[in-house]
């Protein structure tokens, strides 16, 4: 089993941030880059990136769920 590194977590956090901005724009739910970065940091701090379910779903799925459930 391969263990994720700090670089992997940083890359995944950036991917989540980019996905948050993308999906927010598509759904016409305004989200600034700073807000997306803050959300991405908080979410990724609590995600087990070595979990097979996360590897299957990935950051774009998480971003879509966050935006879909955002008021």
C-alpha atoms as a PDB file:
ATOM      1  CA  UNK A   1       0.000   0.000   0.000  1.00  0.00           C
ATOM      2  CA  UNK A   2       1.331   3.411  -0.939  1.00  0.00           C
ATOM      3  CA  UNK A   3       1.120   6.137   1.684  1.00  0.00           C
ATOM      4  CA  UNK A   4       0.197   9.640   0.562  1.00  0.00           C
ATOM      5  CA  UNK A   5       2.721  12.374   1.167  1.00  0.00           C
ATOM      6  CA  UNK A   6       2.495  16.040   2.102  1.00  0.00           C
ATOM      7  CA  UNK A   7       2.929  16.883  -1.584  1.00  0.00           C
ATOM      8  CA  UNK A   8      -0.050  14.654  -2.442  1.00  0.00           C
ATOM      9  CA  UNK A   9      -2.197  16.365   0.189  1.00  0.00           C
ATOM     10  CA  UNK A  10      -1.162  19.801  -1.129  1.00  0.00           C
ATOM     11  CA  UNK A  11      -2.002  18.800  -4.696  1.00  0.00           C
ATOM     12  CA  UNK A  12      -5.360  17.348  -3.671  1.00  0.00           C
ATOM     13  CA  UNK A  13      -6.181  20.490  -1.688  1.00  0.00           C
ATOM     14  CA  UNK A  14      -5.449  22.610  -4.768  1.00  0.00           C
ATOM     15  CA  UNK A  15      -7.539  20.249  -6.924  1.00  0.00           C
ATOM     16  CA  UNK A  16     -10.436  20.587  -4.467  1.00  0.00           C
ATOM     17  CA  UNK A  17     -10.115  24.375  -4.498  1.00  0.00           C
ATOM     18  CA  UNK A  18     -10.165  24.462  -8.303  1.00  0.00           C
ATOM     19  CA  UNK A  19     -13.157  22.118  -8.409  1.00  0.00           C
ATOM     20  CA  UNK A  20     -15.056  24.210  -5.866  1.00  0.00           C
ATOM     21  CA  UNK A  21     -14.608  27.337  -7.983  1.00  0.00           C
ATOM     22  CA  UNK A  22     -15.577  25.447 -11.149  1.00  0.00           C
ATOM     23  CA  UNK A  23     -18.776  23.887  -9.766  1.00  0.00           C
ATOM     24  CA  UNK A  24     -19.808  27.086  -7.960  1.00  0.00           C
ATOM     25  CA  UNK A  25     -19.494  29.001 -11.228  1.00  0.00           C
ATOM     26  CA  UNK A  26     -21.447  26.347 -13.168  1.00  0.00           C
ATOM     27  CA  UNK A  27     -24.288  26.405 -10.656  1.00  0.00           C
ATOM     28  CA  UNK A  28     -24.296  30.202 -10.400  1.00  0.00           C
ATOM     29  CA  UNK A  29     -23.444  30.068  -6.680  1.00  0.00           C
ATOM     30  CA  UNK A  30     -20.746  32.734  -6.235  1.00  0.00           C
ATOM     31  CA  UNK A  31     -17.579  31.565  -4.492  1.00  0.00           C
ATOM     32  CA  UNK A  32     -14.336  33.528  -4.425  1.00  0.00           C
ATOM     33  CA  UNK A  33     -10.956  31.861  -4.811  1.00  0.00           C
ATOM     34  CA  UNK A  34     -10.146  32.752  -1.182  1.00  0.00           C
ATOM     35  CA  UNK A  35     -13.388  31.185   0.082  1.00  0.00           C
ATOM     36  CA  UNK A  36     -12.687  28.064  -1.986  1.00  0.00           C
ATOM     37  CA  UNK A  37      -9.140  27.847  -0.620  1.00  0.00           C
ATOM     38  CA  UNK A  38     -10.412  28.151   2.946  1.00  0.00           C
ATOM     39  CA  UNK A  39     -13.050  25.446   2.423  1.00  0.00           C
ATOM     40  CA  UNK A  40     -10.520  23.174   0.692  1.00  0.00           C
ATOM     41  CA  UNK A  41      -8.006  23.513   3.546  1.00  0.00           C
ATOM     42  CA  UNK A  42     -10.654  22.742   6.182  1.00  0.00           C
ATOM     43  CA  UNK A  43     -12.068  19.756   4.308  1.00  0.00           C
ATOM     44  CA  UNK A  44      -8.711  18.236   3.387  1.00  0.00           C
ATOM     45  CA  UNK A  45      -7.511  18.540   6.989  1.00  0.00           C
ATOM     46  CA  UNK A  46     -10.212  15.985   7.877  1.00  0.00           C
ATOM     47  CA  UNK A  47      -9.953  13.645   4.886  1.00  0.00           C
ATOM     48  CA  UNK A  48      -8.055  10.364   5.045  1.00  0.00           C
ATOM     49  CA  UNK A  49      -6.412  10.490   1.614  1.00  0.00           C
ATOM     50  CA  UNK A  50      -5.216   6.908   2.007  1.00  0.00           C
ATOM     51  CA  UNK A  51      -8.810   5.685   2.202  1.00  0.00           C
ATOM     52  CA  UNK A  52      -9.795   3.700  -0.920  1.00  0.00           C
ATOM     53  CA  UNK A  53     -13.216   5.384  -0.985  1.00  0.00           C
ATOM     54  CA  UNK A  54     -11.538   8.798  -1.276  1.00  0.00           C
ATOM     55  CA  UNK A  55      -9.234   7.481  -3.978  1.00  0.00           C
ATOM     56  CA  UNK A  56     -12.302   6.343  -5.892  1.00  0.00           C
ATOM     57  CA  UNK A  57     -14.406   9.507  -5.390  1.00  0.00           C
ATOM     58  CA  UNK A  58     -11.699  12.169  -5.369  1.00  0.00           C
ATOM     59  CA  UNK A  59     -11.733  15.924  -4.820  1.00  0.00           C
ATOM     60  CA  UNK A  60     -14.102  16.808  -7.654  1.00  0.00           C
ATOM     61  CA  UNK A  61     -16.837  14.606  -6.172  1.00  0.00           C
ATOM     62  CA  UNK A  62     -16.349  16.258  -2.773  1.00  0.00           C
ATOM     63  CA  UNK A  63     -16.470  19.709  -4.401  1.00  0.00           C
ATOM     64  CA  UNK A  64     -19.691  18.877  -6.238  1.00  0.00           C
ATOM     65  CA  UNK A  65     -21.283  17.664  -2.988  1.00  0.00           C
ATOM     66  CA  UNK A  66     -20.191  20.793  -1.111  1.00  0.00           C
ATOM     67  CA  UNK A  67     -21.569  23.117  -3.791  1.00  0.00           C
ATOM     68  CA  UNK A  68     -24.795  21.142  -4.187  1.00  0.00           C
ATOM     69  CA  UNK A  69     -25.439  21.408  -0.447  1.00  0.00           C
ATOM     70  CA  UNK A  70     -24.385  25.042  -0.169  1.00  0.00           C
ATOM     71  CA  UNK A  71     -27.120  27.577   0.505  1.00  0.00           C
END
